[in-house]
Amino acid sequence: MADNSSIEWTDATWNPVTGCTKISAGCQNCYAERFSERFRGVPNHPFETGFDLTLRPERLVQPLNWKRPRMIFVNSMSDLFHKDIPESYISAVFDTMERADWHVYQVLTKRSSVLQKFINLRYKTTSAPLHMWFGVSVEHQRATSRILHLQRANAAIRFLSIEPLIGPIEQLSLDRIDWVIVGGESGPRARFMDPQWAIQIRNRCLAAGVPFFFKQWGGRSPKAGGRLLDGREWNQLPSLFFETRKSFDHRLRS
């Protein structure tokens, strides 16, 4: 678990699984793979096996030990809904999220159909708890089918991570979407993001009343291009986030 995350839209990361495999264009320059593979073969290093998919059951209960409420990005170094992760293990991750309910969890995937199926089986008659947010990655127009799976999932909070934005998205459904994050790619092979692609999405969010978060322009390093879009930072969060935090603060004072 990493506290004080450098990711602008979260506080901490929790990785009960590490490693993944590529499934779309957005995976091409994966930062998690680039980081992990630097340590392949280093004895006793957490990433000794590089970016190979690895279950880490010793980390399953980590959020229970964090008493101060945090916004936690789940599996920043993997994808919780990867086909090779047993359903029983995914259930164990959900068990922890449900028990440690003073945190807000952000679960992001490209495997949207698996997310939809799992959530709808686990929460058949209700929505997932408010402190568990579910999102899908959308890098260009061809990946927008993932949004439909998310919209059909029994989630209370749904978000889109449109990062890296590597192509225009002319048709974007924001129905039942609570938050949109946009960002350019970073790293030595970062692909171009046209400012108009980001502005178009921002304008659609404003028109639909959906909170918009602009993470970065990207470039060789994440901070290279800054975070200003049309001369300002965009740091909006879902309104339910503030209600949840108020509830957490009240419980801590009780």
C-alpha atoms as a PDB file:
ATOM      1  CA  MET A   1       0.000   0.000   0.000  1.00  0.00           C
ATOM      2  CA  ALA A   2       1.373   3.431  -0.886  1.00  0.00           C
ATOM      3  CA  ASP A   3       0.215   6.506   0.992  1.00  0.00           C
ATOM      4  CA  ASN A   4       0.510  10.048  -0.403  1.00  0.00           C
ATOM      5  CA  SER A   5       0.021   8.883  -3.984  1.00  0.00           C
ATOM      6  CA  SER A   6       1.414  11.054  -6.777  1.00  0.00           C
ATOM      7  CA  ILE A   7      -1.784  10.394  -8.741  1.00  0.00           C
ATOM      8  CA  GLU A   8      -3.706  13.661  -8.527  1.00  0.00           C
ATOM      9  CA  TRP A   9      -7.171  12.165  -8.069  1.00  0.00           C
ATOM     10  CA  THR A  10      -6.440   9.791  -5.197  1.00  0.00           C
ATOM     11  CA  ASP A  11      -4.711   9.674  -1.787  1.00  0.00           C
ATOM     12  CA  ALA A  12      -3.254   6.167  -1.716  1.00  0.00           C
ATOM     13  CA  THR A  13      -2.891   2.975  -3.743  1.00  0.00           C
ATOM     14  CA  TRP A  14      -3.623  -0.615  -2.717  1.00  0.00           C
ATOM     15  CA  ASN A  15      -2.359  -3.507  -4.828  1.00  0.00           C
ATOM     16  CA  PRO A  16      -3.632  -6.933  -3.721  1.00  0.00           C
ATOM     17  CA  VAL A  17      -2.703  -7.974  -7.278  1.00  0.00           C
ATOM     18  CA  THR A  18       0.169  -6.795  -9.470  1.00  0.00           C
ATOM     19  CA  GLY A  19       0.909  -7.450 -13.119  1.00  0.00           C
ATOM     20  CA  CYS A  20      -1.375  -7.586 -16.129  1.00  0.00           C
ATOM     21  CA  THR A  21      -1.593  -8.242 -19.878  1.00  0.00           C
ATOM     22  CA  LYS A  22      -2.370  -5.837 -22.714  1.00  0.00           C
ATOM     23  CA  ILE A  23      -5.858  -5.813 -24.247  1.00  0.00           C
ATOM     24  CA  SER A  24      -6.192  -2.481 -26.070  1.00  0.00           C
ATOM     25  CA  ALA A  25      -4.368   0.517 -27.507  1.00  0.00           C
ATOM     26  CA  GLY A  26      -4.483   2.275 -24.152  1.00  0.00           C
ATOM     27  CA  CYS A  27      -2.192  -0.429 -22.740  1.00  0.00           C
ATOM     28  CA  GLN A  28       0.572   0.126 -25.295  1.00  0.00           C
ATOM     29  CA  ASN A  29       2.840   2.249 -23.066  1.00  0.00           C
ATOM     30  CA  CYS A  30       1.628   1.026 -19.682  1.00  0.00           C
ATOM     31  CA  TYR A  31       3.377   2.915 -16.874  1.00  0.00           C
ATOM     32  CA  ALA A  32       2.874   0.024 -14.428  1.00  0.00           C
ATOM     33  CA  GLU A  33       4.583  -2.414 -16.776  1.00  0.00           C
ATOM     34  CA  ARG A  34       7.445   0.002 -17.431  1.00  0.00           C
ATOM     35  CA  PHE A  35       8.018   0.434 -13.692  1.00  0.00           C
ATOM     36  CA  SER A  36       7.695  -3.256 -12.788  1.00  0.00           C
ATOM     37  CA  GLU A  37       9.971  -4.602 -15.502  1.00  0.00           C
ATOM     38  CA  ARG A  38      12.856  -2.465 -14.248  1.00  0.00           C
ATOM     39  CA  PHE A  39      13.128  -4.867 -11.309  1.00  0.00           C
ATOM     40  CA  ARG A  40      12.614  -8.218 -13.030  1.00  0.00           C
ATOM     41  CA  GLY A  41      15.156 -10.672 -11.719  1.00  0.00           C
ATOM     42  CA  VAL A  42      16.193  -8.563  -8.733  1.00  0.00           C
ATOM     43  CA  PRO A  43      16.252 -11.047  -5.828  1.00  0.00           C
ATOM     44  CA  ASN A  44      13.704 -10.427  -3.058  1.00  0.00           C
ATOM     45  CA  HIS A  45      12.321  -7.317  -4.754  1.00  0.00           C
ATOM     46  CA  PRO A  46       8.485  -6.975  -4.785  1.00  0.00           C
ATOM     47  CA  PHE A  47       8.678  -6.959  -8.601  1.00  0.00           C
ATOM     48  CA  GLU A  48      11.230  -9.744  -8.961  1.00  0.00           C
ATOM     49  CA  THR A  49       8.847 -11.376 -11.470  1.00  0.00           C
ATOM     50  CA  GLY A  50       8.357  -8.126 -13.360  1.00  0.00           C
ATOM     51  CA  PHE A  51       4.838  -7.474 -14.616  1.00  0.00           C
ATOM     52  CA  ASP A  52       3.684 -11.095 -14.479  1.00  0.00           C
ATOM     53  CA  LEU A  53       0.223 -11.361 -12.940  1.00  0.00           C
ATOM     54  CA  THR A  54       0.772 -12.040  -9.225  1.00  0.00           C
ATOM     55  CA  LEU A  55      -1.776 -12.461  -6.430  1.00  0.00           C
ATOM     56  CA  ARG A  56      -0.606 -10.937  -3.149  1.00  0.00           C
ATOM     57  CA  PRO A  57      -2.904 -12.342  -0.442  1.00  0.00           C
ATOM     58  CA  GLU A  58      -0.726 -10.874   2.318  1.00  0.00           C
ATOM     59  CA  ARG A  59      -1.997  -7.449   1.242  1.00  0.00           C
ATOM     60  CA  LEU A  60      -5.702  -8.272   1.313  1.00  0.00           C
ATOM     61  CA  VAL A  61      -6.365  -6.760   4.742  1.00  0.00           C
ATOM     62  CA  GLN A  62      -4.105  -3.692   4.459  1.00  0.00           C
ATOM     63  CA  PRO A  63      -6.936  -1.090   4.345  1.00  0.00           C
ATOM     64  CA  LEU A  64      -8.225  -2.366   7.686  1.00  0.00           C
ATOM     65  CA  ASN A  65      -5.004  -1.114   9.282  1.00  0.00           C
ATOM     66  CA  TRP A  66      -5.379   2.420   7.911  1.00  0.00           C
ATOM     67  CA  LYS A  67      -7.567   4.267  10.399  1.00  0.00           C
ATOM     68  CA  ARG A  68      -7.519   7.697   8.771  1.00  0.00           C
ATOM     69  CA  PRO A  69     -10.009   7.821   5.865  1.00  0.00           C
ATOM     70  CA  ARG A  70      -8.347   7.808   2.476  1.00  0.00           C
ATOM     71  CA  MET A  71      -9.292   7.818  -1.174  1.00  0.00           C
ATOM     72  CA  ILE A  72      -7.752   4.521  -2.322  1.00  0.00           C
ATOM     73  CA  PHE A  73      -7.043   3.555  -5.934  1.00  0.00           C
ATOM     74  CA  VAL A  74      -7.420  -0.239  -6.028  1.00  0.00           C
ATOM     75  CA  ASN A  75      -4.916  -2.154  -8.173  1.00  0.00           C
ATOM     76  CA  SER A  76      -3.023   0.750  -9.670  1.00  0.00           C
ATOM     77  CA  MET A  77      -0.488  -1.876 -10.819  1.00  0.00           C
ATOM     78  CA  SER A  78      -2.959  -4.354 -12.299  1.00  0.00           C
ATOM     79  CA  ASP A  79      -6.620  -4.897 -13.229  1.00  0.00           C
ATOM     80  CA  LEU A  80      -8.844  -6.496 -10.587  1.00  0.00           C
ATOM     81  CA  PHE A  81     -11.073  -8.044 -13.257  1.00  0.00           C
ATOM     82  CA  HIS A  82      -8.330  -9.775 -15.240  1.00  0.00           C
ATOM     83  CA  LYS A  83      -9.534 -13.150 -16.528  1.00  0.00           C
ATOM     84  CA  ASP A  84      -6.806 -15.032 -14.632  1.00  0.00           C
ATOM     85  CA  ILE A  85      -7.765 -13.683 -11.201  1.00  0.00           C
ATOM     86  CA  PRO A  86     -10.057 -16.214  -9.448  1.00  0.00           C
ATOM     87  CA  GLU A  87     -13.525 -14.938  -8.615  1.00  0.00           C
ATOM     88  CA  SER A  88     -12.976 -16.026  -5.019  1.00  0.00           C
ATOM     89  CA  TYR A  89      -9.971 -13.714  -4.797  1.00  0.00           C
ATOM     90  CA  ILE A  90     -11.927 -10.776  -6.235  1.00  0.00           C
ATOM     91  CA  SER A  91     -14.591 -11.521  -3.611  1.00  0.00           C
ATOM     92  CA  ALA A  92     -11.940 -11.330  -0.887  1.00  0.00           C
ATOM     93  CA  VAL A  93     -10.930  -7.871  -2.125  1.00  0.00           C
ATOM     94  CA  PHE A  94     -14.578  -6.799  -2.009  1.00  0.00           C
ATOM     95  CA  ASP A  95     -14.928  -8.238   1.505  1.00  0.00           C
ATOM     96  CA  THR A  96     -12.132  -5.950   2.684  1.00  0.00           C
ATOM     97  CA  MET A  97     -13.591  -2.906   0.940  1.00  0.00           C
ATOM     98  CA  GLU A  98     -16.945  -3.555   2.575  1.00  0.00           C
ATOM     99  CA  ARG A  99     -15.401  -4.019   6.037  1.00  0.00           C
ATOM    100  CA  ALA A 100     -13.044  -1.024   5.872  1.00  0.00           C
ATOM    101  CA  ASP A 101     -15.870   1.279   4.904  1.00  0.00           C
ATOM    102  CA  TRP A 102     -14.293   4.484   6.221  1.00  0.00           C
ATOM    103  CA  HIS A 103     -12.257   4.681   3.017  1.00  0.00           C
ATOM    104  CA  VAL A 104     -13.407   5.529  -0.508  1.00  0.00           C
ATOM    105  CA  TYR A 105     -12.253   2.929  -3.058  1.00  0.00           C
ATOM    106  CA  GLN A 106     -11.737   3.647  -6.746  1.00  0.00           C
ATOM    107  CA  VAL A 107     -11.785   0.465  -8.830  1.00  0.00           C
ATOM    108  CA  LEU A 108     -10.792   1.021 -12.462  1.00  0.00           C
ATOM    109  CA  THR A 109     -10.810  -1.560 -15.260  1.00  0.00           C
ATOM    110  CA  LYS A 110     -10.640  -2.077 -18.996  1.00  0.00           C
ATOM    111  CA  ARG A 111     -12.414  -5.427 -18.576  1.00  0.00           C
ATOM    112  CA  SER A 112     -15.821  -3.836 -18.251  1.00  0.00           C
ATOM    113  CA  SER A 113     -17.967  -6.877 -19.044  1.00  0.00           C
ATOM    114  CA  VAL A 114     -16.344  -8.811 -16.188  1.00  0.00           C
ATOM    115  CA  LEU A 115     -16.921  -5.864 -13.852  1.00  0.00           C
ATOM    116  CA  GLN A 116     -20.600  -5.704 -14.809  1.00  0.00           C
ATOM    117  CA  LYS A 117     -21.154  -9.424 -14.317  1.00  0.00           C
ATOM    118  CA  PHE A 118     -19.347  -9.584 -10.969  1.00  0.00           C
ATOM    119  CA  ILE A 119     -21.019  -6.524  -9.444  1.00  0.00           C
ATOM    120  CA  ASN A 120     -24.491  -7.531 -10.592  1.00  0.00           C
ATOM    121  CA  LEU A 121     -24.083 -10.980  -9.077  1.00  0.00           C
ATOM    122  CA  ARG A 122     -22.740  -9.641  -5.781  1.00  0.00           C
ATOM    123  CA  TYR A 123     -25.314  -6.859  -5.471  1.00  0.00           C
ATOM    124  CA  LYS A 124     -28.387  -8.437  -7.018  1.00  0.00           C
ATOM    125  CA  THR A 125     -31.065  -6.396  -5.285  1.00  0.00           C
ATOM    126  CA  THR A 126     -29.234  -3.180  -4.482  1.00  0.00           C
ATOM    127  CA  SER A 127     -26.325  -1.031  -5.576  1.00  0.00           C
ATOM    128  CA  ALA A 128     -22.774  -1.429  -4.355  1.00  0.00           C
ATOM    129  CA  PRO A 129     -21.999   0.694  -1.258  1.00  0.00           C
ATOM    130  CA  LEU A 130     -21.505   4.426  -1.786  1.00  0.00           C
ATOM    131  CA  HIS A 131     -17.867   4.304  -0.696  1.00  0.00           C
ATOM    132  CA  MET A 132     -16.984   1.951  -3.559  1.00  0.00           C
ATOM    133  CA  TRP A 133     -16.599   3.716  -6.910  1.00  0.00           C
ATOM    134  CA  PHE A 134     -16.302   1.814 -10.179  1.00  0.00           C
ATOM    135  CA  GLY A 135     -14.808   3.135 -13.383  1.00  0.00           C
ATOM    136  CA  VAL A 136     -13.686   2.125 -16.852  1.00  0.00           C
ATOM    137  CA  SER A 137     -10.757   3.333 -18.938  1.00  0.00           C
ATOM    138  CA  VAL A 138     -11.657   4.872 -22.298  1.00  0.00           C
ATOM    139  CA  GLU A 139      -8.801   5.950 -24.550  1.00  0.00           C
ATOM    140  CA  HIS A 140     -10.634   6.691 -27.812  1.00  0.00           C
ATOM    141  CA  GLN A 141     -13.978   6.212 -29.566  1.00  0.00           C
ATOM    142  CA  ARG A 142     -13.540   2.463 -30.121  1.00  0.00           C
ATOM    143  CA  ALA A 143     -13.276   1.897 -26.368  1.00  0.00           C
ATOM    144  CA  THR A 144     -16.584   3.587 -25.508  1.00  0.00           C
ATOM    145  CA  SER A 145     -18.408   0.228 -25.467  1.00  0.00           C
ATOM    146  CA  ARG A 146     -16.947  -0.189 -21.976  1.00  0.00           C
ATOM    147  CA  ILE A 147     -19.134   2.681 -20.798  1.00  0.00           C
ATOM    148  CA  LEU A 148     -22.294   0.708 -21.554  1.00  0.00           C
ATOM    149  CA  HIS A 149     -21.172  -2.159 -19.297  1.00  0.00           C
ATOM    150  CA  LEU A 150     -20.455   0.335 -16.517  1.00  0.00           C
ATOM    151  CA  GLN A 151     -23.843   1.988 -16.930  1.00  0.00           C
ATOM    152  CA  ARG A 152     -25.509  -1.414 -16.578  1.00  0.00           C
ATOM    153  CA  ALA A 153     -23.569  -2.353 -13.441  1.00  0.00           C
ATOM    154  CA  ASN A 154     -25.233  -2.057 -10.035  1.00  0.00           C
ATOM    155  CA  ALA A 155     -22.818   0.620  -8.875  1.00  0.00           C
ATOM    156  CA  ALA A 156     -23.707   3.699  -6.861  1.00  0.00           C
ATOM    157  CA  ILE A 157     -20.823   5.816  -8.195  1.00  0.00           C
ATOM    158  CA  ARG A 158     -19.545   5.395 -11.762  1.00  0.00           C
ATOM    159  CA  PHE A 159     -16.590   7.192 -13.311  1.00  0.00           C
ATOM    160  CA  LEU A 160     -14.639   7.345 -16.561  1.00  0.00           C
ATOM    161  CA  SER A 161     -10.863   7.569 -16.783  1.00  0.00           C
ATOM    162  CA  ILE A 162     -10.254   8.968 -20.246  1.00  0.00           C
ATOM    163  CA  GLU A 163      -6.513   8.554 -20.014  1.00  0.00           C
ATOM    164  CA  PRO A 164      -4.421   8.298 -22.008  1.00  0.00           C
ATOM    165  CA  LEU A 165      -6.650  10.173 -24.430  1.00  0.00           C
ATOM    166  CA  ILE A 166      -5.093   9.144 -27.760  1.00  0.00           C
ATOM    167  CA  GLY A 167      -7.933   9.925 -30.153  1.00  0.00           C
ATOM    168  CA  PRO A 168     -11.118  11.987 -30.426  1.00  0.00           C
ATOM    169  CA  ILE A 169     -14.316  10.814 -28.769  1.00  0.00           C
ATOM    170  CA  GLU A 170     -17.141  12.180 -30.869  1.00  0.00           C
ATOM    171  CA  GLN A 171     -19.916  10.210 -29.170  1.00  0.00           C
ATOM    172  CA  LEU A 172     -19.760  10.064 -25.375  1.00  0.00           C
ATOM    173  CA  SER A 173     -22.664   8.859 -23.257  1.00  0.00           C
ATOM    174  CA  LEU A 174     -22.636  10.457 -19.793  1.00  0.00           C
ATOM    175  CA  ASP A 175     -25.922   8.955 -18.645  1.00  0.00           C
ATOM    176  CA  ARG A 176     -25.499   7.612 -15.081  1.00  0.00           C
ATOM    177  CA  ILE A 177     -21.851   8.738 -15.026  1.00  0.00           C
ATOM    178  CA  ASP A 178     -20.823  10.621 -11.870  1.00  0.00           C
ATOM    179  CA  TRP A 179     -17.286  11.732 -12.697  1.00  0.00           C
ATOM    180  CA  VAL A 180     -14.929  12.062 -15.682  1.00  0.00           C
ATOM    181  CA  ILE A 181     -11.112  12.185 -15.544  1.00  0.00           C
ATOM    182  CA  VAL A 182      -9.141  13.210 -18.656  1.00  0.00           C
ATOM    183  CA  GLY A 183      -5.397  13.119 -19.174  1.00  0.00           C
ATOM    184  CA  GLY A 184      -2.671  12.778 -21.756  1.00  0.00           C
ATOM    185  CA  GLU A 185      -0.128   9.979 -21.882  1.00  0.00           C
ATOM    186  CA  SER A 186       3.234  10.283 -20.148  1.00  0.00           C
ATOM    187  CA  GLY A 187       6.504   8.457 -20.598  1.00  0.00           C
ATOM    188  CA  PRO A 188       9.305   8.183 -23.164  1.00  0.00           C
ATOM    189  CA  ARG A 189       6.897   7.132 -25.964  1.00  0.00           C
ATOM    190  CA  ALA A 190       3.961   9.342 -25.013  1.00  0.00           C
ATOM    191  CA  ARG A 191       1.393   9.764 -27.760  1.00  0.00           C
ATOM    192  CA  PHE A 192      -0.081  13.112 -28.754  1.00  0.00           C
ATOM    193  CA  MET A 193      -3.298  14.485 -27.249  1.00  0.00           C
ATOM    194  CA  ASP A 194      -5.030  17.219 -29.248  1.00  0.00           C
ATOM    195  CA  PRO A 195      -6.255  19.976 -26.887  1.00  0.00           C
ATOM    196  CA  GLN A 196      -9.596  20.007 -28.702  1.00  0.00           C
ATOM    197  CA  TRP A 197     -10.222  16.384 -27.719  1.00  0.00           C
ATOM    198  CA  ALA A 198      -9.963  17.328 -24.038  1.00  0.00           C
ATOM    199  CA  ILE A 199     -11.920  20.564 -24.416  1.00  0.00           C
ATOM    200  CA  GLN A 200     -14.746  18.767 -26.210  1.00  0.00           C
ATOM    201  CA  ILE A 201     -15.092  16.272 -23.358  1.00  0.00           C
ATOM    202  CA  ARG A 202     -14.887  19.068 -20.770  1.00  0.00           C
ATOM    203  CA  ASN A 203     -17.673  20.954 -22.533  1.00  0.00           C
ATOM    204  CA  ARG A 204     -19.889  17.879 -22.609  1.00  0.00           C
ATOM    205  CA  CYS A 205     -19.345  17.320 -18.902  1.00  0.00           C
ATOM    206  CA  LEU A 206     -20.253  20.930 -18.130  1.00  0.00           C
ATOM    207  CA  ALA A 207     -23.400  20.688 -20.240  1.00  0.00           C
ATOM    208  CA  ALA A 208     -24.432  17.443 -18.531  1.00  0.00           C
ATOM    209  CA  GLY A 209     -23.518  18.598 -15.013  1.00  0.00           C
ATOM    210  CA  VAL A 210     -20.909  15.850 -14.613  1.00  0.00           C
ATOM    211  CA  PRO A 211     -17.841  16.726 -12.464  1.00  0.00           C
ATOM    212  CA  PHE A 212     -14.709  17.003 -14.599  1.00  0.00           C
ATOM    213  CA  PHE A 213     -11.096  16.410 -13.535  1.00  0.00           C
ATOM    214  CA  PHE A 214      -8.191  17.263 -15.840  1.00  0.00           C
ATOM    215  CA  LYS A 215      -5.186  15.263 -14.691  1.00  0.00           C
ATOM    216  CA  GLN A 216      -2.354  16.257 -17.035  1.00  0.00           C
ATOM    217  CA  TRP A 217      -1.276  17.091 -20.571  1.00  0.00           C
ATOM    218  CA  GLY A 218       1.403  14.418 -20.367  1.00  0.00           C
ATOM    219  CA  GLY A 219       4.647  14.192 -22.245  1.00  0.00           C
ATOM    220  CA  ARG A 220       7.940  12.620 -21.339  1.00  0.00           C
ATOM    221  CA  SER A 221       7.095  13.083 -17.654  1.00  0.00           C
ATOM    222  CA  PRO A 222       3.603  13.308 -16.079  1.00  0.00           C
ATOM    223  CA  LYS A 223       4.176  16.922 -15.003  1.00  0.00           C
ATOM    224  CA  ALA A 224       5.803  18.065 -18.238  1.00  0.00           C
ATOM    225  CA  GLY A 225       2.808  19.835 -19.715  1.00  0.00           C
ATOM    226  CA  GLY A 226       1.162  20.972 -16.506  1.00  0.00           C
ATOM    227  CA  ARG A 227      -2.509  20.681 -15.592  1.00  0.00           C
ATOM    228  CA  LEU A 228      -4.068  23.858 -16.948  1.00  0.00           C
ATOM    229  CA  LEU A 229      -6.928  23.527 -19.418  1.00  0.00           C
ATOM    230  CA  ASP A 230      -8.243  26.803 -20.817  1.00  0.00           C
ATOM    231  CA  GLY A 231      -6.167  28.655 -18.257  1.00  0.00           C
ATOM    232  CA  ARG A 232      -7.320  26.878 -15.085  1.00  0.00           C
ATOM    233  CA  GLU A 233      -7.155  23.619 -13.181  1.00  0.00           C
ATOM    234  CA  TRP A 234     -10.180  21.331 -13.173  1.00  0.00           C
ATOM    235  CA  ASN A 235     -10.375  19.360  -9.914  1.00  0.00           C
ATOM    236  CA  GLN A 236     -14.068  18.566  -9.625  1.00  0.00           C
ATOM    237  CA  LEU A 237     -15.199  15.480  -7.678  1.00  0.00           C
ATOM    238  CA  PRO A 238     -18.561  13.708  -7.381  1.00  0.00           C
ATOM    239  CA  SER A 239     -20.851  15.478  -4.886  1.00  0.00           C
ATOM    240  CA  LEU A 240     -21.352  12.232  -2.986  1.00  0.00           C
ATOM    241  CA  PHE A 241     -17.637  12.243  -2.179  1.00  0.00           C
ATOM    242  CA  PHE A 242     -18.107  15.230   0.109  1.00  0.00           C
ATOM    243  CA  GLU A 243     -21.173  13.692   1.740  1.00  0.00           C
ATOM    244  CA  THR A 244     -19.224  10.480   2.366  1.00  0.00           C
ATOM    245  CA  ARG A 245     -16.284  12.367   3.857  1.00  0.00           C
ATOM    246  CA  LYS A 246     -18.627  14.252   6.203  1.00  0.00           C
ATOM    247  CA  SER A 247     -20.023  10.924   7.365  1.00  0.00           C
ATOM    248  CA  PHE A 248     -16.510   9.563   7.944  1.00  0.00           C
ATOM    249  CA  ASP A 249     -15.491  12.667   9.923  1.00  0.00           C
ATOM    250  CA  HIS A 250     -18.597  12.361  12.097  1.00  0.00           C
ATOM    251  CA  ARG A 251     -17.814   8.722  12.846  1.00  0.00           C
ATOM    252  CA  LEU A 252     -14.216   9.557  13.770  1.00  0.00           C
ATOM    253  CA  ARG A 253     -15.395  12.213  16.236  1.00  0.00           C
ATOM    254  CA  SER A 254     -17.968   9.891  17.820  1.00  0.00           C
END
